[in-house]
Amino acid sequence: MAHTCKFEDKIIKLCEDVAGTKKVTQALSKRINGSMDDFLEHIKAGHRWRASIVTISLVVILNIVTFAFLFGQQTEAIKTNQKMIERFLVK
């Protein structure tokens, strides 16, 4: 007497689903890892992003220096004007 499993059809369907999921996962992994490898190669070989970082850093430093210079000039002008106002009010 042969033993038959009442869940045989479900088990076969589940095995097929697992095999399909495995193929999809491998394809997705290959696609993700391939694009990440391309991206990392682009970053390692790219000179434009390095030039951009250096340029942005220089612009930020230039803006800070310009702000400090103009702030100093403005402070000096205010002091001069304040002295002139005091002299005018005293007379």
PDB file of N, CA and C in Angstrom:
ATOM      1  N   MET A   1       0.838  -1.172   0.000  1.00  0.00           N
ATOM      2  CA  MET A   1       0.000   0.000   0.000  1.00  0.00           C
ATOM      3  C   MET A   1       0.890   1.245   0.000  1.00  0.00           C
ATOM      4  N   ALA A   2       0.666   2.102  -0.944  1.00  0.00           N
ATOM      5  CA  ALA A   2       1.478   3.301  -1.081  1.00  0.00           C
ATOM      6  C   ALA A   2       0.868   4.419  -0.232  1.00  0.00           C
ATOM      7  N   HIS A   3       1.779   5.125   0.374  1.00  0.00           N
ATOM      8  CA  HIS A   3       1.336   6.244   1.217  1.00  0.00           C
ATOM      9  C   HIS A   3       1.298   7.518   0.386  1.00  0.00           C
ATOM     10  N   THR A   4       0.196   8.213   0.398  1.00  0.00           N
ATOM     11  CA  THR A   4       0.087   9.468  -0.337  1.00  0.00           C
ATOM     12  C   THR A   4      -0.100  10.599   0.669  1.00  0.00           C
ATOM     13  N   CYS A   5       0.555  11.678   0.371  1.00  0.00           N
ATOM     14  CA  CYS A   5       0.471  12.850   1.244  1.00  0.00           C
ATOM     15  C   CYS A   5      -0.649  13.756   0.730  1.00  0.00           C
ATOM     16  N   LYS A   6      -1.496  14.182   1.622  1.00  0.00           N
ATOM     17  CA  LYS A   6      -2.605  15.019   1.189  1.00  0.00           C
ATOM     18  C   LYS A   6      -2.152  16.455   0.890  1.00  0.00           C
ATOM     19  N   PHE A   7      -0.926  16.812   1.310  1.00  0.00           N
ATOM     20  CA  PHE A   7      -0.386  18.153   1.061  1.00  0.00           C
ATOM     21  C   PHE A   7       0.644  18.162  -0.065  1.00  0.00           C
ATOM     22  N   GLU A   8       0.715  17.067  -0.834  1.00  0.00           N
ATOM     23  CA  GLU A   8       1.729  16.948  -1.869  1.00  0.00           C
ATOM     24  C   GLU A   8       1.653  18.091  -2.880  1.00  0.00           C
ATOM     25  N   ASP A   9       0.462  18.442  -3.328  1.00  0.00           N
ATOM     26  CA  ASP A   9       0.301  19.530  -4.309  1.00  0.00           C
ATOM     27  C   ASP A   9       0.761  20.869  -3.730  1.00  0.00           C
ATOM     28  N   LYS A  10       0.428  21.109  -2.476  1.00  0.00           N
ATOM     29  CA  LYS A  10       0.826  22.362  -1.838  1.00  0.00           C
ATOM     30  C   LYS A  10       2.343  22.437  -1.658  1.00  0.00           C
ATOM     31  N   ILE A  11       2.946  21.300  -1.313  1.00  0.00           N
ATOM     32  CA  ILE A  11       4.400  21.258  -1.139  1.00  0.00           C
ATOM     33  C   ILE A  11       5.101  21.506  -2.468  1.00  0.00           C
ATOM     34  N   ILE A  12       4.624  20.912  -3.530  1.00  0.00           N
ATOM     35  CA  ILE A  12       5.213  21.118  -4.859  1.00  0.00           C
ATOM     36  C   ILE A  12       5.083  22.572  -5.275  1.00  0.00           C
ATOM     37  N   LYS A  13       3.910  23.159  -5.058  1.00  0.00           N
ATOM     38  CA  LYS A  13       3.684  24.568  -5.398  1.00  0.00           C
ATOM     39  C   LYS A  13       4.615  25.467  -4.573  1.00  0.00           C
ATOM     40  N   LEU A  14       4.778  25.170  -3.305  1.00  0.00           N
ATOM     41  CA  LEU A  14       5.663  25.943  -2.434  1.00  0.00           C
ATOM     42  C   LEU A  14       7.114  25.845  -2.894  1.00  0.00           C
ATOM     43  N   CYS A  15       7.551  24.657  -3.294  1.00  0.00           N
ATOM     44  CA  CYS A  15       8.918  24.479  -3.811  1.00  0.00           C
ATOM     45  C   CYS A  15       9.125  25.289  -5.091  1.00  0.00           C
ATOM     46  N   GLU A  16       8.133  25.306  -5.957  1.00  0.00           N
ATOM     47  CA  GLU A  16       8.237  26.097  -7.181  1.00  0.00           C
ATOM     48  C   GLU A  16       8.301  27.592  -6.859  1.00  0.00           C
ATOM     49  N   ASP A  17       7.506  28.025  -5.891  1.00  0.00           N
ATOM     50  CA  ASP A  17       7.527  29.434  -5.488  1.00  0.00           C
ATOM     51  C   ASP A  17       8.881  29.817  -4.898  1.00  0.00           C
ATOM     52  N   VAL A  18       9.458  28.941  -4.085  1.00  0.00           N
ATOM     53  CA  VAL A  18      10.773  29.202  -3.492  1.00  0.00           C
ATOM     54  C   VAL A  18      11.837  29.277  -4.579  1.00  0.00           C
ATOM     55  N   ALA A  19      11.777  28.380  -5.554  1.00  0.00           N
ATOM     56  CA  ALA A  19      12.742  28.401  -6.658  1.00  0.00           C
ATOM     57  C   ALA A  19      12.613  29.687  -7.462  1.00  0.00           C
ATOM     58  N   GLY A  20      11.384  30.122  -7.726  1.00  0.00           N
ATOM     59  CA  GLY A  20      11.172  31.378  -8.455  1.00  0.00           C
ATOM     60  C   GLY A  20      11.674  32.571  -7.664  1.00  0.00           C
ATOM     61  N   THR A  21      11.416  32.574  -6.366  1.00  0.00           N
ATOM     62  CA  THR A  21      11.883  33.667  -5.506  1.00  0.00           C
ATOM     63  C   THR A  21      13.405  33.704  -5.462  1.00  0.00           C
ATOM     64  N   LYS A  22      14.022  32.532  -5.447  1.00  0.00           N
ATOM     65  CA  LYS A  22      15.483  32.466  -5.438  1.00  0.00           C
ATOM     66  C   LYS A  22      16.060  33.064  -6.718  1.00  0.00           C
ATOM     67  N   LYS A  23      15.451  32.774  -7.868  1.00  0.00           N
ATOM     68  CA  LYS A  23      15.925  33.331  -9.144  1.00  0.00           C
ATOM     69  C   LYS A  23      15.769  34.842  -9.168  1.00  0.00           C
ATOM     70  N   VAL A  24      14.641  35.331  -8.692  1.00  0.00           N
ATOM     71  CA  VAL A  24      14.397  36.774  -8.673  1.00  0.00           C
ATOM     72  C   VAL A  24      15.390  37.458  -7.731  1.00  0.00           C
ATOM     73  N   THR A  25      15.635  36.843  -6.573  1.00  0.00           N
ATOM     74  CA  THR A  25      16.582  37.412  -5.610  1.00  0.00           C
ATOM     75  C   THR A  25      17.992  37.454  -6.175  1.00  0.00           C
ATOM     76  N   GLN A  26      18.397  36.406  -6.859  1.00  0.00           N
ATOM     77  CA  GLN A  26      19.731  36.398  -7.463  1.00  0.00           C
ATOM     78  C   GLN A  26      19.844  37.470  -8.546  1.00  0.00           C
ATOM     79  N   ALA A  27      18.816  37.626  -9.368  1.00  0.00           N
ATOM     80  CA  ALA A  27      18.844  38.653 -10.415  1.00  0.00           C
ATOM     81  C   ALA A  27      18.891  40.047  -9.793  1.00  0.00           C
ATOM     82  N   LEU A  28      18.119  40.255  -8.743  1.00  0.00           N
ATOM     83  CA  LEU A  28      18.108  41.550  -8.072  1.00  0.00           C
ATOM     84  C   LEU A  28      19.449  41.829  -7.407  1.00  0.00           C
ATOM     85  N   SER A  29      20.025  40.810  -6.789  1.00  0.00           N
ATOM     86  CA  SER A  29      21.336  40.971  -6.156  1.00  0.00           C
ATOM     87  C   SER A  29      22.396  41.320  -7.189  1.00  0.00           C
ATOM     88  N   LYS A  30      22.341  40.657  -8.333  1.00  0.00           N
ATOM     89  CA  LYS A  30      23.301  40.926  -9.400  1.00  0.00           C
ATOM     90  C   LYS A  30      23.136  42.350  -9.914  1.00  0.00           C
ATOM     91  N   ARG A  31      21.888  42.799 -10.038  1.00  0.00           N
ATOM     92  CA  ARG A  31      21.623  44.145 -10.531  1.00  0.00           C
ATOM     93  C   ARG A  31      22.071  45.203  -9.512  1.00  0.00           C
ATOM     94  N   ILE A  32      21.764  44.983  -8.246  1.00  0.00           N
ATOM     95  CA  ILE A  32      22.146  45.951  -7.208  1.00  0.00           C
ATOM     96  C   ILE A  32      23.654  45.981  -7.051  1.00  0.00           C
ATOM     97  N   ASN A  33      24.272  44.834  -6.917  1.00  0.00           N
ATOM     98  CA  ASN A  33      25.718  44.794  -6.721  1.00  0.00           C
ATOM     99  C   ASN A  33      26.457  45.322  -7.946  1.00  0.00           C
ATOM    100  N   GLY A  34      25.942  45.046  -9.119  1.00  0.00           N
ATOM    101  CA  GLY A  34      26.573  45.561 -10.334  1.00  0.00           C
ATOM    102  C   GLY A  34      26.505  47.074 -10.405  1.00  0.00           C
ATOM    103  N   SER A  35      25.362  47.639 -10.058  1.00  0.00           N
ATOM    104  CA  SER A  35      25.245  49.099 -10.096  1.00  0.00           C
ATOM    105  C   SER A  35      26.069  49.734  -8.985  1.00  0.00           C
ATOM    106  N   MET A  36      26.156  49.085  -7.831  1.00  0.00           N
ATOM    107  CA  MET A  36      26.995  49.624  -6.748  1.00  0.00           C
ATOM    108  C   MET A  36      28.463  49.575  -7.146  1.00  0.00           C
ATOM    109  N   ASP A  37      28.879  48.507  -7.811  1.00  0.00           N
ATOM    110  CA  ASP A  37      30.263  48.419  -8.269  1.00  0.00           C
ATOM    111  C   ASP A  37      30.565  49.512  -9.288  1.00  0.00           C
ATOM    112  N   ASP A  38      29.632  49.744 -10.204  1.00  0.00           N
ATOM    113  CA  ASP A  38      29.807  50.821 -11.185  1.00  0.00           C
ATOM    114  C   ASP A  38      29.891  52.175 -10.494  1.00  0.00           C
ATOM    115  N   PHE A  39      29.041  52.378  -9.498  1.00  0.00           N
ATOM    116  CA  PHE A  39      29.046  53.652  -8.759  1.00  0.00           C
ATOM    117  C   PHE A  39      30.365  53.837  -8.015  1.00  0.00           C
ATOM    118  N   LEU A  40      30.848  52.799  -7.347  1.00  0.00           N
ATOM    119  CA  LEU A  40      32.112  52.906  -6.619  1.00  0.00           C
ATOM    120  C   LEU A  40      33.286  53.141  -7.569  1.00  0.00           C
ATOM    121  N   GLU A  41      33.251  52.514  -8.732  1.00  0.00           N
ATOM    122  CA  GLU A  41      34.300  52.731  -9.731  1.00  0.00           C
ATOM    123  C   GLU A  41      34.260  54.177 -10.225  1.00  0.00           C
ATOM    124  N   HIS A  42      33.060  54.696 -10.423  1.00  0.00           N
ATOM    125  CA  HIS A  42      32.912  56.088 -10.858  1.00  0.00           C
ATOM    126  C   HIS A  42      33.466  57.049  -9.793  1.00  0.00           C
ATOM    127  N   ILE A  43      33.182  56.763  -8.529  1.00  0.00           N
ATOM    128  CA  ILE A  43      33.675  57.621  -7.444  1.00  0.00           C
ATOM    129  C   ILE A  43      35.197  57.559  -7.356  1.00  0.00           C
ATOM    130  N   LYS A  44      35.754  56.366  -7.489  1.00  0.00           N
ATOM    131  CA  LYS A  44      37.212  56.229  -7.392  1.00  0.00           C
ATOM    132  C   LYS A  44      37.912  56.912  -8.562  1.00  0.00           C
ATOM    133  N   ALA A  45      37.336  56.835  -9.729  1.00  0.00           N
ATOM    134  CA  ALA A  45      37.985  57.374 -10.921  1.00  0.00           C
ATOM    135  C   ALA A  45      37.591  58.822 -11.196  1.00  0.00           C
ATOM    136  N   GLY A  46      36.545  59.313 -10.549  1.00  0.00           N
ATOM    137  CA  GLY A  46      36.030  60.651 -10.866  1.00  0.00           C
ATOM    138  C   GLY A  46      36.872  61.767 -10.269  1.00  0.00           C
ATOM    139  N   HIS A  47      37.191  62.738 -11.103  1.00  0.00           N
ATOM    140  CA  HIS A  47      37.935  63.904 -10.636  1.00  0.00           C
ATOM    141  C   HIS A  47      37.003  65.102 -10.463  1.00  0.00           C
ATOM    142  N   ARG A  48      35.861  65.051 -11.091  1.00  0.00           N
ATOM    143  CA  ARG A  48      34.935  66.183 -11.029  1.00  0.00           C
ATOM    144  C   ARG A  48      34.405  66.396  -9.623  1.00  0.00           C
ATOM    145  N   TRP A  49      34.063  65.325  -8.912  1.00  0.00           N
ATOM    146  CA  TRP A  49      33.520  65.496  -7.571  1.00  0.00           C
ATOM    147  C   TRP A  49      34.584  66.029  -6.628  1.00  0.00           C
ATOM    148  N   ARG A  50      35.840  65.644  -6.845  1.00  0.00           N
ATOM    149  CA  ARG A  50      36.922  66.194  -6.015  1.00  0.00           C
ATOM    150  C   ARG A  50      37.102  67.683  -6.294  1.00  0.00           C
ATOM    151  N   ALA A  51      37.069  68.049  -7.561  1.00  0.00           N
ATOM    152  CA  ALA A  51      37.191  69.459  -7.928  1.00  0.00           C
ATOM    153  C   ALA A  51      36.009  70.245  -7.376  1.00  0.00           C
ATOM    154  N   SER A  52      34.831  69.667  -7.377  1.00  0.00           N
ATOM    155  CA  SER A  52      33.653  70.340  -6.831  1.00  0.00           C
ATOM    156  C   SER A  52      33.796  70.586  -5.341  1.00  0.00           C
ATOM    157  N   ILE A  53      34.293  69.600  -4.617  1.00  0.00           N
ATOM    158  CA  ILE A  53      34.474  69.762  -3.168  1.00  0.00           C
ATOM    159  C   ILE A  53      35.503  70.837  -2.875  1.00  0.00           C
ATOM    160  N   VAL A  54      36.600  70.847  -3.606  1.00  0.00           N
ATOM    161  CA  VAL A  54      37.630  71.866  -3.404  1.00  0.00           C
ATOM    162  C   VAL A  54      37.076  73.248  -3.740  1.00  0.00           C
ATOM    163  N   THR A  55      36.333  73.356  -4.827  1.00  0.00           N
ATOM    164  CA  THR A  55      35.762  74.641  -5.234  1.00  0.00           C
ATOM    165  C   THR A  55      34.768  75.146  -4.198  1.00  0.00           C
ATOM    166  N   ILE A  56      33.900  74.286  -3.726  1.00  0.00           N
ATOM    167  CA  ILE A  56      32.919  74.691  -2.713  1.00  0.00           C
ATOM    168  C   ILE A  56      33.622  75.124  -1.438  1.00  0.00           C
ATOM    169  N   SER A  57      34.670  74.406  -1.035  1.00  0.00           N
ATOM    170  CA  SER A  57      35.425  74.780   0.163  1.00  0.00           C
ATOM    171  C   SER A  57      36.068  76.158   0.004  1.00  0.00           C
ATOM    172  N   LEU A  58      36.655  76.401  -1.158  1.00  0.00           N
ATOM    173  CA  LEU A  58      37.271  77.709  -1.399  1.00  0.00           C
ATOM    174  C   LEU A  58      36.236  78.835  -1.401  1.00  0.00           C
ATOM    175  N   VAL A  59      35.081  78.577  -1.972  1.00  0.00           N
ATOM    176  CA  VAL A  59      34.019  79.588  -1.995  1.00  0.00           C
ATOM    177  C   VAL A  59      33.541  79.892  -0.572  1.00  0.00           C
ATOM    178  N   VAL A  60      33.399  78.873   0.245  1.00  0.00           N
ATOM    179  CA  VAL A  60      32.975  79.085   1.627  1.00  0.00           C
ATOM    180  C   VAL A  60      34.019  79.906   2.380  1.00  0.00           C
ATOM    181  N   ILE A  61      35.287  79.569   2.215  1.00  0.00           N
ATOM    182  CA  ILE A  61      36.358  80.325   2.884  1.00  0.00           C
ATOM    183  C   ILE A  61      36.384  81.766   2.390  1.00  0.00           C
ATOM    184  N   LEU A  62      36.243  81.959   1.089  1.00  0.00           N
ATOM    185  CA  LEU A  62      36.221  83.312   0.526  1.00  0.00           C
ATOM    186  C   LEU A  62      35.046  84.116   1.079  1.00  0.00           C
ATOM    187  N   ASN A  63      33.889  83.500   1.211  1.00  0.00           N
ATOM    188  CA  ASN A  63      32.731  84.187   1.777  1.00  0.00           C
ATOM    189  C   ASN A  63      32.960  84.579   3.228  1.00  0.00           C
ATOM    190  N   ILE A  64      33.585  83.720   4.007  1.00  0.00           N
ATOM    191  CA  ILE A  64      33.869  84.034   5.408  1.00  0.00           C
ATOM    192  C   ILE A  64      34.845  85.198   5.499  1.00  0.00           C
ATOM    193  N   VAL A  65      35.904  85.175   4.700  1.00  0.00           N
ATOM    194  CA  VAL A  65      36.891  86.255   4.711  1.00  0.00           C
ATOM    195  C   VAL A  65      36.250  87.563   4.260  1.00  0.00           C
ATOM    196  N   THR A  66      35.440  87.517   3.220  1.00  0.00           N
ATOM    197  CA  THR A  66      34.763  88.721   2.723  1.00  0.00           C
ATOM    198  C   THR A  66      33.818  89.278   3.777  1.00  0.00           C
ATOM    199  N   PHE A  67      33.079  88.405   4.446  1.00  0.00           N
ATOM    200  CA  PHE A  67      32.180  88.852   5.504  1.00  0.00           C
ATOM    201  C   PHE A  67      32.961  89.531   6.626  1.00  0.00           C
ATOM    202  N   ALA A  68      34.069  88.930   7.054  1.00  0.00           N
ATOM    203  CA  ALA A  68      34.873  89.513   8.127  1.00  0.00           C
ATOM    204  C   ALA A  68      35.422  90.882   7.700  1.00  0.00           C
ATOM    205  N   PHE A  69      35.901  90.992   6.472  1.00  0.00           N
ATOM    206  CA  PHE A  69      36.437  92.262   5.974  1.00  0.00           C
ATOM    207  C   PHE A  69      35.359  93.341   5.927  1.00  0.00           C
ATOM    208  N   LEU A  70      34.212  93.011   5.347  1.00  0.00           N
ATOM    209  CA  LEU A  70      33.128  93.985   5.242  1.00  0.00           C
ATOM    210  C   LEU A  70      32.550  94.344   6.614  1.00  0.00           C
ATOM    211  N   PHE A  71      32.502  93.390   7.517  1.00  0.00           N
ATOM    212  CA  PHE A  71      32.035  93.662   8.873  1.00  0.00           C
ATOM    213  C   PHE A  71      32.976  94.638   9.566  1.00  0.00           C
ATOM    214  N   GLY A  72      34.275  94.432   9.365  1.00  0.00           N
ATOM    215  CA  GLY A  72      35.262  95.353   9.942  1.00  0.00           C
ATOM    216  C   GLY A  72      35.124  96.755   9.359  1.00  0.00           C
ATOM    217  N   GLN A  73      34.932  96.864   8.064  1.00  0.00           N
ATOM    218  CA  GLN A  73      34.749  98.177   7.434  1.00  0.00           C
ATOM    219  C   GLN A  73      33.477  98.852   7.951  1.00  0.00           C
ATOM    220  N   GLN A  74      32.425  98.093   8.063  1.00  0.00           N
ATOM    221  CA  GLN A  74      31.159  98.646   8.543  1.00  0.00           C
ATOM    222  C   GLN A  74      31.296  99.115   9.988  1.00  0.00           C
ATOM    223  N   THR A  75      31.973  98.353  10.813  1.00  0.00           N
ATOM    224  CA  THR A  75      32.187  98.737  12.204  1.00  0.00           C
ATOM    225  C   THR A  75      32.991 100.032  12.279  1.00  0.00           C
ATOM    226  N   GLU A  76      34.029 100.133  11.455  1.00  0.00           N
ATOM    227  CA  GLU A  76      34.851 101.352  11.441  1.00  0.00           C
ATOM    228  C   GLU A  76      34.036 102.558  10.972  1.00  0.00           C
ATOM    229  N   ALA A  77      33.193 102.382   9.962  1.00  0.00           N
ATOM    230  CA  ALA A  77      32.351 103.473   9.473  1.00  0.00           C
ATOM    231  C   ALA A  77      31.359 103.910  10.552  1.00  0.00           C
ATOM    232  N   ILE A  78      30.806 102.961  11.289  1.00  0.00           N
ATOM    233  CA  ILE A  78      29.872 103.302  12.363  1.00  0.00           C
ATOM    234  C   ILE A  78      30.580 104.096  13.457  1.00  0.00           C
ATOM    235  N   LYS A  79      31.794 103.681  13.813  1.00  0.00           N
ATOM    236  CA  LYS A  79      32.566 104.408  14.840  1.00  0.00           C
ATOM    237  C   LYS A  79      32.847 105.836  14.377  1.00  0.00           C
ATOM    238  N   THR A  80      33.251 105.990  13.123  1.00  0.00           N
ATOM    239  CA  THR A  80      33.541 107.328  12.580  1.00  0.00           C
ATOM    240  C   THR A  80      32.286 108.186  12.579  1.00  0.00           C
ATOM    241  N   ASN A  81      31.178 107.631  12.121  1.00  0.00           N
ATOM    242  CA  ASN A  81      29.925 108.384  12.094  1.00  0.00           C
ATOM    243  C   ASN A  81      29.455 108.727  13.509  1.00  0.00           C
ATOM    244  N   GLN A  82      29.656 107.810  14.444  1.00  0.00           N
ATOM    245  CA  GLN A  82      29.262 108.070  15.823  1.00  0.00           C
ATOM    246  C   GLN A  82      30.059 109.244  16.397  1.00  0.00           C
ATOM    247  N   LYS A  83      31.361 109.306  16.094  1.00  0.00           N
ATOM    248  CA  LYS A  83      32.198 110.422  16.555  1.00  0.00           C
ATOM    249  C   LYS A  83      31.713 111.731  15.936  1.00  0.00           C
ATOM    250  N   MET A  84      31.384 111.705  14.647  1.00  0.00           N
ATOM    251  CA  MET A  84      30.903 112.923  13.982  1.00  0.00           C
ATOM    252  C   MET A  84      29.579 113.389  14.595  1.00  0.00           C
ATOM    253  N   ILE A  85      28.691 112.460  14.905  1.00  0.00           N
ATOM    254  CA  ILE A  85      27.406 112.809  15.517  1.00  0.00           C
ATOM    255  C   ILE A  85      27.623 113.413  16.895  1.00  0.00           C
ATOM    256  N   GLU A  86      28.534 112.815  17.681  1.00  0.00           N
ATOM    257  CA  GLU A  86      28.827 113.348  19.015  1.00  0.00           C
ATOM    258  C   GLU A  86      29.388 114.761  18.934  1.00  0.00           C
ATOM    259  N   ARG A  87      30.303 115.007  17.979  1.00  0.00           N
ATOM    260  CA  ARG A  87      30.855 116.355  17.815  1.00  0.00           C
ATOM    261  C   ARG A  87      29.784 117.352  17.393  1.00  0.00           C
ATOM    262  N   PHE A  88      28.882 116.914  16.515  1.00  0.00           N
ATOM    263  CA  PHE A  88      27.824 117.797  16.042  1.00  0.00           C
ATOM    264  C   PHE A  88      26.856 118.147  17.174  1.00  0.00           C
ATOM    265  N   LEU A  89      26.531 117.144  18.005  1.00  0.00           N
ATOM    266  CA  LEU A  89      25.597 117.394  19.096  1.00  0.00           C
ATOM    267  C   LEU A  89      26.221 118.235  20.202  1.00  0.00           C
ATOM    268  N   VAL A  90      27.529 118.153  20.391  1.00  0.00           N
ATOM    269  CA  VAL A  90      28.205 118.920  21.444  1.00  0.00           C
ATOM    270  C   VAL A  90      28.238 120.384  21.056  1.00  0.00           C
ATOM    271  N   LYS A  91      28.440 120.760  19.825  1.00  0.00           N
ATOM    272  CA  LYS A  91      28.541 122.156  19.399  1.00  0.00           C
ATOM    273  C   LYS A  91      27.253 122.842  19.415  1.00  0.00           C
TER     274      LYS A  91
END
